[in-house]
Amino acid sequence: MTRLAALSGAVIISFSAIFYALAEVDPVTATFFRVAYALPVLFALWWWRRHEDRRPWKSRGLAFLSGVFVAADLISWQASIDLIGVGLSTLLANLQVIIVGLIAWIVLGEEPSRVLKVTIPVVLVGVAMVSGIGQTDAFGEDPLLGTAFALTAAVLYAGFLLLFRQSNRLKAPAAGPLMEASLGAAVTTAAIGWLGPDIDFTIRFPNHGWLLALGLGGFLTGWILITYALPRLQAVETSTFVLVQPALTMVWGAWLFTERPSTLQAIGALIVLIGVAVVAVSQSRREPAIEEPALEAG
């Protein structure tokens, strides 16, 4: 049952980029509505178990602040989808596994593992190949800029993970911290929409049907399933299930949108996927459990 929940969550989340592409809205609008549609459900779930949430206001504030990173992460990732497709953008945005290790090394002074040191330059070669540098047949409207947006999303998502983990040290029911992070993301996106690209508040279908699927499916249901399953699985299994999402998204992109990366881009994507898998498995063997799952680079 636990493995089925993990696999179901990973499969649902793998459709997030697909739902965004089908919604045919701009990244800021999609980010606002995907969290706005999830907020009422999260509030109901939190209210049901509110007596179990004993976190101080400081922790709640950290969860809200993590939402700033969520908003910037989702906007960057969705912008990369428009430029490089759903598959490659999702793969690159999942590099947070490696970026968290880099941040811990550079900022916190934690000595990285030998596996991470060896893997980083190999993965960078794969990223360069995915970006289409020097390729005349590279897939995507602007693969280099799309790669830059996807890598930015990965960095922002790593920042979110670090803050979000700090916000729930008391291990309150997950709906509480996620509700506060979603509220922070909604407020941040509304501010971005006010200052820059306008949010399109026109409710029309099927566009908002796909946004509902994005908010209640990929963002909420998939996350809840993975949250339940991952702490109950063996460490190596958790890493495997987290990697199902980007791999499946590349399959959906090829199937539904006929995305055909160039040969070099495909090789680069395989290098990146293997590199992330190696680092994830290596880290999971050193850590007995995952406190919070990858919510997808989205």
C-alpha atoms as a PDB file:
ATOM      1  CA  MET A   1       0.000   0.000   0.000  1.00  0.00           C
ATOM      2  CA  THR A   2       2.825   2.387   0.892  1.00  0.00           C
ATOM      3  CA  ARG A   3       4.673   1.803  -2.373  1.00  0.00           C
ATOM      4  CA  LEU A   4       1.417   2.214  -4.292  1.00  0.00           C
ATOM      5  CA  ALA A   5       0.829   5.583  -2.585  1.00  0.00           C
ATOM      6  CA  ALA A   6       4.368   6.736  -3.415  1.00  0.00           C
ATOM      7  CA  LEU A   7       4.108   5.623  -7.015  1.00  0.00           C
ATOM      8  CA  SER A   8       0.646   7.199  -7.406  1.00  0.00           C
ATOM      9  CA  GLY A   9       1.917  10.490  -5.984  1.00  0.00           C
ATOM     10  CA  ALA A  10       4.916  10.527  -8.309  1.00  0.00           C
ATOM     11  CA  VAL A  11       2.744   9.757 -11.333  1.00  0.00           C
ATOM     12  CA  ILE A  12       0.234  12.511 -10.444  1.00  0.00           C
ATOM     13  CA  ILE A  13       2.998  15.069  -9.920  1.00  0.00           C
ATOM     14  CA  SER A  14       4.583  14.095 -13.229  1.00  0.00           C
ATOM     15  CA  PHE A  15       1.552  15.606 -14.983  1.00  0.00           C
ATOM     16  CA  SER A  16       2.047  19.071 -13.433  1.00  0.00           C
ATOM     17  CA  ALA A  17       4.035  20.436 -16.367  1.00  0.00           C
ATOM     18  CA  ILE A  18       1.479  18.907 -18.746  1.00  0.00           C
ATOM     19  CA  PHE A  19      -1.424  20.629 -16.963  1.00  0.00           C
ATOM     20  CA  TYR A  20       0.434  23.955 -17.106  1.00  0.00           C
ATOM     21  CA  ALA A  21       1.128  23.601 -20.827  1.00  0.00           C
ATOM     22  CA  LEU A  22      -2.497  22.693 -21.552  1.00  0.00           C
ATOM     23  CA  ALA A  23      -3.807  25.640 -19.499  1.00  0.00           C
ATOM     24  CA  GLU A  24      -2.197  28.067 -21.989  1.00  0.00           C
ATOM     25  CA  VAL A  25      -1.764  30.897 -19.483  1.00  0.00           C
ATOM     26  CA  ASP A  26       1.325  32.867 -18.501  1.00  0.00           C
ATOM     27  CA  PRO A  27       3.603  31.667 -15.659  1.00  0.00           C
ATOM     28  CA  VAL A  28       2.449  34.312 -13.143  1.00  0.00           C
ATOM     29  CA  THR A  29      -1.243  33.552 -13.672  1.00  0.00           C
ATOM     30  CA  ALA A  30      -0.653  29.798 -13.425  1.00  0.00           C
ATOM     31  CA  THR A  31       1.349  30.163 -10.204  1.00  0.00           C
ATOM     32  CA  PHE A  32      -1.309  32.322  -8.533  1.00  0.00           C
ATOM     33  CA  PHE A  33      -4.220  30.029  -9.328  1.00  0.00           C
ATOM     34  CA  ARG A  34      -2.445  26.725  -8.642  1.00  0.00           C
ATOM     35  CA  VAL A  35      -1.890  27.791  -5.017  1.00  0.00           C
ATOM     36  CA  ALA A  36      -5.178  29.726  -4.740  1.00  0.00           C
ATOM     37  CA  TYR A  37      -7.213  26.663  -5.716  1.00  0.00           C
ATOM     38  CA  ALA A  38      -5.337  24.511  -3.196  1.00  0.00           C
ATOM     39  CA  LEU A  39      -5.639  26.929  -0.254  1.00  0.00           C
ATOM     40  CA  PRO A  40      -9.294  26.256   0.751  1.00  0.00           C
ATOM     41  CA  VAL A  41      -8.654  22.501   0.825  1.00  0.00           C
ATOM     42  CA  LEU A  42      -5.452  22.957   2.819  1.00  0.00           C
ATOM     43  CA  PHE A  43      -7.265  25.202   5.297  1.00  0.00           C
ATOM     44  CA  ALA A  44      -9.983  22.585   5.782  1.00  0.00           C
ATOM     45  CA  LEU A  45      -7.396  19.850   6.336  1.00  0.00           C
ATOM     46  CA  TRP A  46      -5.490  22.027   8.807  1.00  0.00           C
ATOM     47  CA  TRP A  47      -8.663  23.059  10.677  1.00  0.00           C
ATOM     48  CA  TRP A  48      -9.602  19.409  11.101  1.00  0.00           C
ATOM     49  CA  ARG A  49      -6.331  18.719  12.939  1.00  0.00           C
ATOM     50  CA  ARG A  50      -5.524  22.214  14.223  1.00  0.00           C
ATOM     51  CA  HIS A  51      -5.292  21.011  17.851  1.00  0.00           C
ATOM     52  CA  GLU A  52      -2.204  18.977  16.845  1.00  0.00           C
ATOM     53  CA  ASP A  53      -0.395  22.026  15.455  1.00  0.00           C
ATOM     54  CA  ARG A  54       1.611  23.525  18.326  1.00  0.00           C
ATOM     55  CA  ARG A  55       4.217  25.378  16.289  1.00  0.00           C
ATOM     56  CA  PRO A  56       5.235  28.854  17.499  1.00  0.00           C
ATOM     57  CA  TRP A  57       4.560  31.944  15.382  1.00  0.00           C
ATOM     58  CA  LYS A  58       8.219  32.036  14.339  1.00  0.00           C
ATOM     59  CA  SER A  59       7.849  28.647  12.656  1.00  0.00           C
ATOM     60  CA  ARG A  60       4.644  29.754  10.950  1.00  0.00           C
ATOM     61  CA  GLY A  61       6.450  32.846   9.714  1.00  0.00           C
ATOM     62  CA  LEU A  62       9.224  30.697   8.237  1.00  0.00           C
ATOM     63  CA  ALA A  63       6.628  28.594   6.414  1.00  0.00           C
ATOM     64  CA  PHE A  64       5.044  31.760   5.000  1.00  0.00           C
ATOM     65  CA  LEU A  65       8.482  33.046   3.965  1.00  0.00           C
ATOM     66  CA  SER A  66       9.221  29.753   2.206  1.00  0.00           C
ATOM     67  CA  GLY A  67       6.216  30.559   0.037  1.00  0.00           C
ATOM     68  CA  VAL A  68       8.163  33.461  -1.458  1.00  0.00           C
ATOM     69  CA  PHE A  69      10.636  30.914  -2.802  1.00  0.00           C
ATOM     70  CA  VAL A  70       7.766  28.689  -3.986  1.00  0.00           C
ATOM     71  CA  ALA A  71       6.290  31.542  -6.050  1.00  0.00           C
ATOM     72  CA  ALA A  72       9.612  32.490  -7.642  1.00  0.00           C
ATOM     73  CA  ASP A  73      10.447  28.817  -8.228  1.00  0.00           C
ATOM     74  CA  LEU A  74       7.157  28.029  -9.980  1.00  0.00           C
ATOM     75  CA  ILE A  75       7.257  31.162 -12.132  1.00  0.00           C
ATOM     76  CA  SER A  76      10.817  30.366 -13.238  1.00  0.00           C
ATOM     77  CA  TRP A  77      10.042  26.708 -13.905  1.00  0.00           C
ATOM     78  CA  GLN A  78       6.903  27.468 -15.895  1.00  0.00           C
ATOM     79  CA  ALA A  79       8.767  30.089 -17.912  1.00  0.00           C
ATOM     80  CA  SER A  80      11.331  27.410 -18.775  1.00  0.00           C
ATOM     81  CA  ILE A  81       8.529  25.090 -19.937  1.00  0.00           C
ATOM     82  CA  ASP A  82       7.509  27.696 -22.512  1.00  0.00           C
ATOM     83  CA  LEU A  83      11.074  27.838 -23.822  1.00  0.00           C
ATOM     84  CA  ILE A  84      12.422  24.292 -23.630  1.00  0.00           C
ATOM     85  CA  GLY A  85       9.401  22.015 -23.237  1.00  0.00           C
ATOM     86  CA  VAL A  86       7.855  20.119 -20.335  1.00  0.00           C
ATOM     87  CA  GLY A  87      10.370  17.253 -20.225  1.00  0.00           C
ATOM     88  CA  LEU A  88      13.753  18.967 -20.239  1.00  0.00           C
ATOM     89  CA  SER A  89      12.566  21.831 -18.009  1.00  0.00           C
ATOM     90  CA  THR A  90      11.230  19.433 -15.348  1.00  0.00           C
ATOM     91  CA  LEU A  91      14.403  17.362 -15.400  1.00  0.00           C
ATOM     92  CA  LEU A  92      16.660  20.389 -14.908  1.00  0.00           C
ATOM     93  CA  ALA A  93      14.411  21.888 -12.229  1.00  0.00           C
ATOM     94  CA  ASN A  94      14.887  18.706 -10.184  1.00  0.00           C
ATOM     95  CA  LEU A  95      18.595  19.408  -9.750  1.00  0.00           C
ATOM     96  CA  GLN A  96      17.778  20.716  -6.252  1.00  0.00           C
ATOM     97  CA  VAL A  97      19.126  17.403  -4.912  1.00  0.00           C
ATOM     98  CA  ILE A  98      22.596  18.495  -5.973  1.00  0.00           C
ATOM     99  CA  ILE A  99      22.090  22.216  -5.297  1.00  0.00           C
ATOM    100  CA  VAL A 100      21.140  21.624  -1.645  1.00  0.00           C
ATOM    101  CA  GLY A 101      24.478  19.856  -1.214  1.00  0.00           C
ATOM    102  CA  LEU A 102      26.275  22.767  -2.880  1.00  0.00           C
ATOM    103  CA  ILE A 103      24.545  25.316  -0.623  1.00  0.00           C
ATOM    104  CA  ALA A 104      25.456  23.284   2.445  1.00  0.00           C
ATOM    105  CA  TRP A 105      29.074  23.223   1.213  1.00  0.00           C
ATOM    106  CA  ILE A 106      29.397  26.895   0.259  1.00  0.00           C
ATOM    107  CA  VAL A 107      27.173  28.548   2.878  1.00  0.00           C
ATOM    108  CA  LEU A 108      27.236  26.167   5.839  1.00  0.00           C
ATOM    109  CA  GLY A 109      30.752  24.811   5.341  1.00  0.00           C
ATOM    110  CA  GLU A 110      29.604  21.172   5.323  1.00  0.00           C
ATOM    111  CA  GLU A 111      32.119  18.944   3.576  1.00  0.00           C
ATOM    112  CA  PRO A 112      30.384  17.324   0.585  1.00  0.00           C
ATOM    113  CA  SER A 113      30.570  13.597  -0.005  1.00  0.00           C
ATOM    114  CA  ARG A 114      33.029  12.191  -2.527  1.00  0.00           C
ATOM    115  CA  VAL A 115      30.055  11.156  -4.678  1.00  0.00           C
ATOM    116  CA  LEU A 116      28.801  14.760  -4.858  1.00  0.00           C
ATOM    117  CA  LYS A 117      32.262  16.107  -5.739  1.00  0.00           C
ATOM    118  CA  VAL A 118      32.632  13.624  -8.593  1.00  0.00           C
ATOM    119  CA  THR A 119      29.068  14.001  -9.835  1.00  0.00           C
ATOM    120  CA  ILE A 120      28.856  17.809 -10.050  1.00  0.00           C
ATOM    121  CA  PRO A 121      31.209  18.318 -13.047  1.00  0.00           C
ATOM    122  CA  VAL A 122      29.616  15.380 -14.889  1.00  0.00           C
ATOM    123  CA  VAL A 123      26.126  16.812 -14.367  1.00  0.00           C
ATOM    124  CA  LEU A 124      27.307  20.251 -15.530  1.00  0.00           C
ATOM    125  CA  VAL A 125      28.431  18.676 -18.800  1.00  0.00           C
ATOM    126  CA  GLY A 126      24.967  17.151 -19.158  1.00  0.00           C
ATOM    127  CA  VAL A 127      23.324  20.522 -18.449  1.00  0.00           C
ATOM    128  CA  ALA A 128      25.466  22.198 -21.121  1.00  0.00           C
ATOM    129  CA  MET A 129      24.367  19.557 -23.621  1.00  0.00           C
ATOM    130  CA  VAL A 130      20.694  20.045 -22.711  1.00  0.00           C
ATOM    131  CA  SER A 131      21.039  23.824 -23.137  1.00  0.00           C
ATOM    132  CA  GLY A 132      21.753  23.354 -26.839  1.00  0.00           C
ATOM    133  CA  ILE A 133      25.035  25.289 -26.852  1.00  0.00           C
ATOM    134  CA  GLY A 134      26.621  24.948 -30.289  1.00  0.00           C
ATOM    135  CA  GLN A 135      23.738  22.849 -31.626  1.00  0.00           C
ATOM    136  CA  THR A 136      21.776  23.865 -34.692  1.00  0.00           C
ATOM    137  CA  ASP A 137      19.097  21.223 -34.145  1.00  0.00           C
ATOM    138  CA  ALA A 138      18.451  21.844 -30.434  1.00  0.00           C
ATOM    139  CA  PHE A 139      14.836  21.470 -29.354  1.00  0.00           C
ATOM    140  CA  GLY A 140      13.000  24.448 -27.872  1.00  0.00           C
ATOM    141  CA  GLU A 141      12.104  28.035 -28.665  1.00  0.00           C
ATOM    142  CA  ASP A 142      15.165  29.239 -26.714  1.00  0.00           C
ATOM    143  CA  PRO A 143      16.887  26.251 -25.063  1.00  0.00           C
ATOM    144  CA  LEU A 144      19.698  28.294 -23.517  1.00  0.00           C
ATOM    145  CA  LEU A 145      17.333  30.744 -21.800  1.00  0.00           C
ATOM    146  CA  GLY A 146      15.000  27.880 -20.905  1.00  0.00           C
ATOM    147  CA  THR A 147      17.886  26.072 -19.218  1.00  0.00           C
ATOM    148  CA  ALA A 148      18.760  29.231 -17.279  1.00  0.00           C
ATOM    149  CA  PHE A 149      15.173  29.536 -16.005  1.00  0.00           C
ATOM    150  CA  ALA A 150      15.054  25.846 -15.044  1.00  0.00           C
ATOM    151  CA  LEU A 151      18.335  26.080 -13.113  1.00  0.00           C
ATOM    152  CA  THR A 152      17.058  29.215 -11.377  1.00  0.00           C
ATOM    153  CA  ALA A 153      13.961  27.249 -10.389  1.00  0.00           C
ATOM    154  CA  ALA A 154      16.155  24.480  -8.955  1.00  0.00           C
ATOM    155  CA  VAL A 155      18.104  26.983  -6.821  1.00  0.00           C
ATOM    156  CA  LEU A 156      14.898  28.618  -5.567  1.00  0.00           C
ATOM    157  CA  TYR A 157      13.383  25.235  -4.778  1.00  0.00           C
ATOM    158  CA  ALA A 158      16.463  24.320  -2.755  1.00  0.00           C
ATOM    159  CA  GLY A 159      15.969  27.542  -0.778  1.00  0.00           C
ATOM    160  CA  PHE A 160      12.328  26.610  -0.200  1.00  0.00           C
ATOM    161  CA  LEU A 161      13.282  23.160   1.113  1.00  0.00           C
ATOM    162  CA  LEU A 162      15.764  24.575   3.614  1.00  0.00           C
ATOM    163  CA  LEU A 163      13.222  27.079   4.999  1.00  0.00           C
ATOM    164  CA  PHE A 164      10.283  24.690   4.942  1.00  0.00           C
ATOM    165  CA  ARG A 165      12.132  22.043   6.932  1.00  0.00           C
ATOM    166  CA  GLN A 166      13.025  24.632   9.566  1.00  0.00           C
ATOM    167  CA  SER A 167       9.371  25.688   9.783  1.00  0.00           C
ATOM    168  CA  ASN A 168       8.140  22.260  10.882  1.00  0.00           C
ATOM    169  CA  ARG A 169      10.703  20.993  13.354  1.00  0.00           C
ATOM    170  CA  LEU A 170       7.845  19.976  15.686  1.00  0.00           C
ATOM    171  CA  LYS A 171       6.388  17.802  12.897  1.00  0.00           C
ATOM    172  CA  ALA A 172       2.906  19.276  12.951  1.00  0.00           C
ATOM    173  CA  PRO A 173       0.315  17.930  10.464  1.00  0.00           C
ATOM    174  CA  ALA A 174       1.674  18.726   7.017  1.00  0.00           C
ATOM    175  CA  ALA A 175      -1.391  20.721   5.908  1.00  0.00           C
ATOM    176  CA  GLY A 176      -0.482  23.563   8.289  1.00  0.00           C
ATOM    177  CA  PRO A 177       3.006  24.432   7.008  1.00  0.00           C
ATOM    178  CA  LEU A 178       1.940  23.796   3.413  1.00  0.00           C
ATOM    179  CA  MET A 179      -1.080  26.090   3.854  1.00  0.00           C
ATOM    180  CA  GLU A 180       1.155  28.886   5.148  1.00  0.00           C
ATOM    181  CA  ALA A 181       3.697  28.335   2.365  1.00  0.00           C
ATOM    182  CA  SER A 182       0.887  28.399  -0.199  1.00  0.00           C
ATOM    183  CA  LEU A 183      -0.472  31.619   1.299  1.00  0.00           C
ATOM    184  CA  GLY A 184       3.007  33.149   1.089  1.00  0.00           C
ATOM    185  CA  ALA A 185       3.250  32.044  -2.536  1.00  0.00           C
ATOM    186  CA  ALA A 186      -0.183  33.520  -3.348  1.00  0.00           C
ATOM    187  CA  VAL A 187       0.678  36.879  -1.736  1.00  0.00           C
ATOM    188  CA  THR A 188       4.070  36.991  -3.461  1.00  0.00           C
ATOM    189  CA  THR A 189       2.588  36.138  -6.844  1.00  0.00           C
ATOM    190  CA  ALA A 190      -0.143  38.771  -6.397  1.00  0.00           C
ATOM    191  CA  ALA A 191       2.569  41.352  -5.643  1.00  0.00           C
ATOM    192  CA  ILE A 192       4.553  40.300  -8.714  1.00  0.00           C
ATOM    193  CA  GLY A 193       1.389  40.555 -10.775  1.00  0.00           C
ATOM    194  CA  TRP A 194       0.740  44.047  -9.431  1.00  0.00           C
ATOM    195  CA  LEU A 195       4.303  45.233 -10.112  1.00  0.00           C
ATOM    196  CA  GLY A 196       4.967  43.455 -13.397  1.00  0.00           C
ATOM    197  CA  PRO A 197       3.097  41.007 -15.625  1.00  0.00           C
ATOM    198  CA  ASP A 198      -0.629  41.245 -14.881  1.00  0.00           C
ATOM    199  CA  ILE A 199      -2.454  38.196 -13.543  1.00  0.00           C
ATOM    200  CA  ASP A 200      -5.310  37.223 -15.829  1.00  0.00           C
ATOM    201  CA  PHE A 201      -8.317  36.857 -13.502  1.00  0.00           C
ATOM    202  CA  THR A 202     -10.683  35.921 -16.318  1.00  0.00           C
ATOM    203  CA  ILE A 203     -12.199  32.538 -15.475  1.00  0.00           C
ATOM    204  CA  ARG A 204     -12.600  30.579 -18.696  1.00  0.00           C
ATOM    205  CA  PHE A 205     -12.613  26.927 -19.597  1.00  0.00           C
ATOM    206  CA  PRO A 206     -10.920  24.647 -20.384  1.00  0.00           C
ATOM    207  CA  ASN A 207      -7.987  26.795 -19.200  1.00  0.00           C
ATOM    208  CA  HIS A 208      -9.091  26.896 -15.572  1.00  0.00           C
ATOM    209  CA  GLY A 209     -10.051  23.256 -15.662  1.00  0.00           C
ATOM    210  CA  TRP A 210      -6.380  22.491 -16.232  1.00  0.00           C
ATOM    211  CA  LEU A 211      -5.388  24.981 -13.513  1.00  0.00           C
ATOM    212  CA  LEU A 212      -7.759  23.211 -11.106  1.00  0.00           C
ATOM    213  CA  ALA A 213      -6.102  19.920 -12.021  1.00  0.00           C
ATOM    214  CA  LEU A 214      -2.730  21.568 -11.451  1.00  0.00           C
ATOM    215  CA  GLY A 215      -3.646  22.947  -8.021  1.00  0.00           C
ATOM    216  CA  LEU A 216      -5.744  20.092  -6.642  1.00  0.00           C
ATOM    217  CA  GLY A 217      -3.978  17.263  -8.457  1.00  0.00           C
ATOM    218  CA  GLY A 218      -0.292  17.858  -9.043  1.00  0.00           C
ATOM    219  CA  PHE A 219       0.197  20.310  -6.175  1.00  0.00           C
ATOM    220  CA  LEU A 220      -2.105  18.920  -3.481  1.00  0.00           C
ATOM    221  CA  THR A 221      -3.108  15.275  -3.997  1.00  0.00           C
ATOM    222  CA  GLY A 222       0.270  14.134  -5.292  1.00  0.00           C
ATOM    223  CA  TRP A 223       2.059  15.867  -2.420  1.00  0.00           C
ATOM    224  CA  ILE A 224      -0.199  14.338   0.219  1.00  0.00           C
ATOM    225  CA  LEU A 225       0.348  10.832  -1.159  1.00  0.00           C
ATOM    226  CA  ILE A 226       4.121  11.264  -1.244  1.00  0.00           C
ATOM    227  CA  THR A 227       4.157  12.837   2.241  1.00  0.00           C
ATOM    228  CA  TYR A 228       2.385   9.780   3.596  1.00  0.00           C
ATOM    229  CA  ALA A 229       4.540   7.239   1.768  1.00  0.00           C
ATOM    230  CA  LEU A 230       8.144   8.433   1.739  1.00  0.00           C
ATOM    231  CA  PRO A 231       8.895   8.346   5.496  1.00  0.00           C
ATOM    232  CA  ARG A 232       7.558   4.765   5.553  1.00  0.00           C
ATOM    233  CA  LEU A 233       9.813   3.481   2.764  1.00  0.00           C
ATOM    234  CA  GLN A 234      13.423   2.375   2.774  1.00  0.00           C
ATOM    235  CA  ALA A 235      15.835   5.246   2.108  1.00  0.00           C
ATOM    236  CA  VAL A 236      16.939   4.044  -1.327  1.00  0.00           C
ATOM    237  CA  GLU A 237      13.300   3.538  -2.325  1.00  0.00           C
ATOM    238  CA  THR A 238      12.449   7.145  -1.485  1.00  0.00           C
ATOM    239  CA  SER A 239      15.114   8.404  -3.867  1.00  0.00           C
ATOM    240  CA  THR A 240      13.849   6.124  -6.614  1.00  0.00           C
ATOM    241  CA  PHE A 241      10.255   7.303  -6.296  1.00  0.00           C
ATOM    242  CA  VAL A 242      11.244  10.985  -6.262  1.00  0.00           C
ATOM    243  CA  LEU A 243      13.072  10.465  -9.572  1.00  0.00           C
ATOM    244  CA  VAL A 244       9.998   8.902 -11.186  1.00  0.00           C
ATOM    245  CA  GLN A 245       8.481  12.367 -11.677  1.00  0.00           C
ATOM    246  CA  PRO A 246      11.013  13.944 -14.088  1.00  0.00           C
ATOM    247  CA  ALA A 247      11.455  10.668 -15.988  1.00  0.00           C
ATOM    248  CA  LEU A 248       7.710  10.290 -16.542  1.00  0.00           C
ATOM    249  CA  THR A 249       7.275  13.952 -17.467  1.00  0.00           C
ATOM    250  CA  MET A 250       9.771  13.479 -20.292  1.00  0.00           C
ATOM    251  CA  VAL A 251       7.721  10.501 -21.502  1.00  0.00           C
ATOM    252  CA  TRP A 252       4.468  12.517 -21.382  1.00  0.00           C
ATOM    253  CA  GLY A 253       6.129  15.398 -23.234  1.00  0.00           C
ATOM    254  CA  ALA A 254       7.282  13.123 -26.036  1.00  0.00           C
ATOM    255  CA  TRP A 255       3.898  11.395 -26.218  1.00  0.00           C
ATOM    256  CA  LEU A 256       1.461  14.308 -25.855  1.00  0.00           C
ATOM    257  CA  PHE A 257       3.422  17.227 -27.320  1.00  0.00           C
ATOM    258  CA  THR A 258       5.781  15.369 -29.664  1.00  0.00           C
ATOM    259  CA  GLU A 259       8.822  16.846 -27.924  1.00  0.00           C
ATOM    260  CA  ARG A 260      11.926  15.601 -29.685  1.00  0.00           C
ATOM    261  CA  PRO A 261      15.192  16.810 -28.130  1.00  0.00           C
ATOM    262  CA  SER A 262      18.284  16.603 -30.312  1.00  0.00           C
ATOM    263  CA  THR A 263      20.579  13.624 -29.886  1.00  0.00           C
ATOM    264  CA  LEU A 264      23.023  15.628 -27.768  1.00  0.00           C
ATOM    265  CA  GLN A 265      20.205  17.024 -25.632  1.00  0.00           C
ATOM    266  CA  ALA A 266      18.849  13.511 -25.062  1.00  0.00           C
ATOM    267  CA  ILE A 267      22.306  12.262 -24.040  1.00  0.00           C
ATOM    268  CA  GLY A 268      22.716  15.280 -21.754  1.00  0.00           C
ATOM    269  CA  ALA A 269      19.307  14.616 -20.173  1.00  0.00           C
ATOM    270  CA  LEU A 270      20.307  11.003 -19.487  1.00  0.00           C
ATOM    271  CA  ILE A 271      23.565  12.172 -17.886  1.00  0.00           C
ATOM    272  CA  VAL A 272      21.668  14.620 -15.661  1.00  0.00           C
ATOM    273  CA  LEU A 273      19.091  12.006 -14.643  1.00  0.00           C
ATOM    274  CA  ILE A 274      21.771   9.445 -13.768  1.00  0.00           C
ATOM    275  CA  GLY A 275      23.761  12.083 -11.863  1.00  0.00           C
ATOM    276  CA  VAL A 276      20.754  13.133  -9.794  1.00  0.00           C
ATOM    277  CA  ALA A 277      19.918   9.473  -9.126  1.00  0.00           C
ATOM    278  CA  VAL A 278      23.452   8.702  -7.933  1.00  0.00           C
ATOM    279  CA  VAL A 279      23.514  11.705  -5.557  1.00  0.00           C
ATOM    280  CA  ALA A 280      19.989  11.036  -4.269  1.00  0.00           C
ATOM    281  CA  VAL A 281      20.725   7.382  -3.509  1.00  0.00           C
ATOM    282  CA  SER A 282      24.067   8.271  -1.917  1.00  0.00           C
ATOM    283  CA  GLN A 283      22.452  10.849   0.365  1.00  0.00           C
ATOM    284  CA  SER A 284      19.529   8.593   1.258  1.00  0.00           C
ATOM    285  CA  ARG A 285      21.916   5.914   2.477  1.00  0.00           C
ATOM    286  CA  ARG A 286      23.444   8.418   4.873  1.00  0.00           C
ATOM    287  CA  GLU A 287      20.050   9.745   6.071  1.00  0.00           C
ATOM    288  CA  PRO A 288      17.566   7.256   7.516  1.00  0.00           C
ATOM    289  CA  ALA A 289      14.427   9.090   6.357  1.00  0.00           C
ATOM    290  CA  ILE A 290      13.166  12.059   4.407  1.00  0.00           C
ATOM    291  CA  GLU A 291      11.283  14.578   6.545  1.00  0.00           C
ATOM    292  CA  GLU A 292       9.711  16.427   3.634  1.00  0.00           C
ATOM    293  CA  PRO A 293       9.388  15.166   0.073  1.00  0.00           C
ATOM    294  CA  ALA A 294      10.236  16.922  -3.110  1.00  0.00           C
ATOM    295  CA  LEU A 295       7.040  18.727  -4.033  1.00  0.00           C
ATOM    296  CA  GLU A 296       8.187  18.885  -7.692  1.00  0.00           C
ATOM    297  CA  ALA A 297      10.041  21.867  -9.016  1.00  0.00           C
ATOM    298  CA  GLY A 298       7.344  21.989  -8.866  1.00  0.00           C
END
